[in-house]
Protein backbone atom coordinates (compact mmCIF):
# COMPACT_ATOMS: atom_id res chain seq x y z
CA MET A 1 -8.50 15.90 -32.87
CA SER A 2 -8.46 13.97 -29.17
CA THR A 3 -10.71 11.05 -28.60
CA LYS A 4 -13.43 11.61 -26.23
CA GLN A 5 -11.76 9.67 -23.55
CA GLU A 6 -8.97 12.02 -23.66
CA ARG A 7 -11.21 14.86 -23.71
CA VAL A 8 -13.39 13.43 -20.66
CA ASN A 9 -9.55 12.73 -18.50
CA ARG A 10 -8.48 16.02 -19.23
CA TYR A 11 -11.85 17.93 -17.67
CA ALA A 12 -11.99 15.55 -14.95
CA GLU A 13 -8.15 15.89 -14.14
CA ALA A 14 -8.71 19.66 -14.15
CA LEU A 15 -11.34 19.48 -12.02
CA TRP A 16 -9.35 17.23 -9.73
CA LEU A 17 -6.66 19.71 -9.74
CA ALA A 18 -8.57 22.70 -9.00
CA GLN A 19 -10.02 20.74 -6.07
CA LEU A 20 -6.83 20.08 -4.58
CA GLU A 21 -5.54 23.46 -5.20
CA ARG A 22 -8.64 24.83 -3.20
CA TRP A 23 -7.72 22.34 -0.55
CA GLN A 24 -4.02 23.14 -0.11
CA GLN A 25 -4.63 27.14 -0.03
CA ALA A 26 -7.35 26.17 2.65
CA PHE A 27 -4.88 23.99 5.14
CA GLU A 28 -2.29 26.95 4.29
CA GLN A 29 -5.30 29.50 5.64
CA ALA A 30 -5.56 27.00 8.25
CA ALA A 31 -2.61 26.31 9.45
CA LYS A 32 -1.82 30.51 10.12
CA ALA A 33 -4.98 30.51 11.96
CA VAL A 34 -4.55 27.76 14.11
CA HIS A 35 -0.85 29.16 14.93
CA GLU A 36 -2.62 32.78 16.04
CA LYS A 37 -1.84 33.32 19.88
CA LYS A 38 -5.70 33.63 20.17
CA LEU A 39 -6.62 30.72 18.82
CA ALA A 40 -3.34 28.71 19.91
CA ALA A 41 -4.33 29.20 23.02
CA ILE A 42 -7.96 27.95 22.79
CA LEU A 43 -6.69 24.92 21.03
CA GLY A 44 -4.23 24.09 23.65
CA ASP A 45 -6.09 24.62 26.57
CA ASN A 46 -7.09 20.74 27.70
CA SER A 47 -10.19 22.24 30.34
CA LYS A 48 -12.06 23.42 27.06
CA SER A 49 -14.13 20.69 25.05
CA SER A 50 -13.68 19.46 21.55
CA ALA A 51 -16.59 20.88 20.22
CA GLU A 52 -15.43 24.63 22.03
CA LYS A 53 -12.42 24.19 20.23
CA ALA A 54 -14.30 23.25 16.93
CA ALA A 55 -16.19 26.39 17.17
CA ALA A 56 -13.36 28.55 17.83
CA LEU A 57 -11.31 27.73 14.82
CA GLU A 58 -14.88 27.90 12.63
CA GLN A 59 -15.04 31.62 13.87
CA ALA A 60 -11.30 32.25 12.95
CA LEU A 61 -12.36 30.29 9.63
CA PRO A 62 -13.55 32.64 6.38
CA LYS A 63 -17.03 32.22 5.56
CA GLU A 64 -16.30 30.37 2.09
CA PHE A 65 -13.78 28.51 3.79
CA PRO A 66 -14.45 24.63 2.02
CA THR A 67 -16.78 22.66 3.99
CA GLU A 68 -14.69 19.50 3.70
CA VAL A 69 -11.78 21.23 5.08
CA VAL A 70 -14.21 22.33 7.91
CA ASN A 71 -14.83 19.03 8.96
CA LEU A 72 -11.69 17.29 8.52
CA LEU A 73 -10.27 20.06 11.15
CA LYS A 74 -12.95 19.67 13.29
CA VAL A 75 -12.30 15.81 13.09
CA MET A 76 -8.61 16.16 13.74
CA ILE A 77 -9.60 18.59 16.92
CA ASP A 78 -11.76 16.00 18.20
CA ALA A 79 -8.55 13.09 18.42
CA GLY A 80 -6.26 15.91 19.50
CA ASP A 81 -4.62 16.17 15.93
CA GLN A 82 -4.85 19.74 15.27
CA HIS A 83 -1.10 20.23 15.51
CA LEU A 84 -1.04 18.10 12.34
CA VAL A 85 -2.77 20.64 10.29
CA VAL A 86 0.67 22.05 8.54
CA ASP A 87 1.75 18.58 7.83
CA VAL A 88 -1.43 17.61 6.56
CA GLY A 89 -1.67 21.22 4.11
CA ALA A 90 2.20 19.68 3.03
CA ARG A 91 0.61 16.41 2.01
CA VAL A 92 -2.09 17.97 0.23
CA ALA A 93 0.08 20.30 -1.49
CA GLN A 94 2.25 16.80 -2.35
CA VAL A 95 -0.63 15.26 -4.07
CA ALA A 96 -1.45 17.79 -6.27
CA ALA A 97 1.84 18.30 -7.53
CA GLY A 98 1.74 14.50 -8.42
CA LYS A 99 4.32 13.55 -5.64
CA THR A 100 4.36 10.37 -4.08
CA GLU A 101 4.24 9.93 -0.51
CA ALA A 102 7.86 11.14 1.37
CA GLN A 103 9.66 8.59 2.70
CA LYS A 104 11.17 8.51 5.81
CA ALA A 105 14.71 8.28 6.72
CA GLU A 106 15.57 7.15 10.27
CA ILE A 107 18.83 8.06 11.32
CA ILE A 108 19.95 6.28 14.73
CA SER A 109 23.44 7.12 15.54
CA ALA A 110 25.30 5.83 18.95
CA ILE A 111 26.07 9.58 19.93
CA GLU A 112 24.20 12.80 19.77
CA LEU A 113 25.38 14.24 16.02
CA SER A 114 26.06 18.12 15.48
CA ALA A 115 23.67 20.18 13.25
CA ILE A 116 26.65 19.86 10.68
CA GLU A 117 26.57 16.28 10.51
CA GLN A 118 23.00 16.03 10.22
CA ASP A 119 22.78 18.45 7.82
CA GLN A 120 25.53 16.51 5.52
CA LEU A 121 23.58 12.88 6.05
CA ARG A 122 20.03 14.87 5.01
CA LYS A 123 21.95 16.30 1.79
CA ARG A 124 23.81 12.80 0.87
CA LEU A 125 20.59 10.69 1.57
CA THR A 126 18.51 13.68 -0.70
CA ASP A 127 21.50 13.11 -3.59
CA GLU A 128 20.49 9.01 -3.10
CA TYR A 129 17.07 8.79 -2.52
CA GLY A 130 15.79 12.04 -3.94
CA ALA A 131 14.01 14.83 -2.49
CA GLY A 132 11.06 14.63 -0.25
CA LEU A 133 12.74 12.62 2.45
CA THR A 134 11.47 13.13 5.91
CA PHE A 135 14.69 13.20 8.69
CA SER A 136 14.23 12.03 11.87
CA PHE A 137 17.50 11.92 13.95
CA SER A 138 18.15 9.58 17.52
CA VAL A 139 20.51 8.46 19.55
CA ASP A 140 20.74 4.62 20.78
CA SER A 141 24.31 4.29 22.85
CA SER A 142 23.87 0.59 22.67
CA LEU A 143 25.28 0.97 19.04
CA MET A 144 28.61 1.91 20.58
CA GLY A 145 29.34 3.59 17.45
CA GLY A 146 28.79 4.12 13.49
CA LEU A 147 24.97 4.90 12.35
CA ARG A 148 21.82 2.93 11.31
CA VAL A 149 20.02 4.54 8.49
CA ARG A 150 16.37 3.43 7.33
CA VAL A 151 15.15 4.70 4.50
CA GLY A 152 11.71 3.31 3.48
CA ASP A 153 12.43 -0.43 3.71
CA ARG A 154 16.13 -0.50 3.22
CA LEU A 155 18.19 -0.55 6.45
CA ILE A 156 21.78 0.22 6.32
CA ASP A 157 23.40 -0.35 9.35
CA ASN A 158 27.05 0.43 10.04
CA SER A 159 27.01 0.30 13.62
CA VAL A 160 29.94 -1.28 15.77
CA ALA A 161 26.99 -3.36 17.76
CA THR A 162 26.30 -5.06 14.25
CA ARG A 163 29.73 -5.51 13.59
CA LEU A 164 30.79 -7.11 16.70
CA ALA A 165 27.76 -9.10 16.43
CA ALA A 166 29.13 -10.25 12.83
CA LEU A 167 32.50 -11.01 13.83
CA ARG A 168 31.35 -12.88 16.86
CA GLU A 169 29.21 -15.12 14.27
CA SER A 170 32.51 -15.46 12.23
CA ILE A 171 34.49 -16.83 14.81
CA ALA A 172 31.89 -19.19 16.23
CA SER A 173 31.23 -20.79 12.74
CA VAL A 174 34.89 -20.91 12.34
CA VAL A 175 35.36 -22.72 15.89
CA ARG A 176 32.37 -25.43 15.43
């Protein structure tokens, strides 16, 4: 027999998860609607007002669509963030699954990495830090070679520029 508090918690969690699932499904529908040619053209048209864009979105969505999601989509359109609908939907799915926020993995290289090299880095970092990483790749020629990788608050700097700076510091400390 469970305690009163356990039963209350179970009911509250069931309600919360049902609402999250409803919102997740709504965002999946919204993402499809936002990417349909006609609506995408309206949302991307800078001559249209936010109100016109919101009205077009409302017409494209089913009548029983969750009001909370419609209102959030209108706020996103007003802010010019309609392109984030898929990302917000993915994050709602993560929350519904009980996952914490995805960590960002920022990889900076001295030269452009090939697709194979990027995939190898993705696999290696996912093996080390777990699934759910979001990756961004950029180039900074001032590194002279090597990589600088930041995952969350951890920095791995294996660049030639950093090695040269450390060597310079080491030599300077011996000369003093």
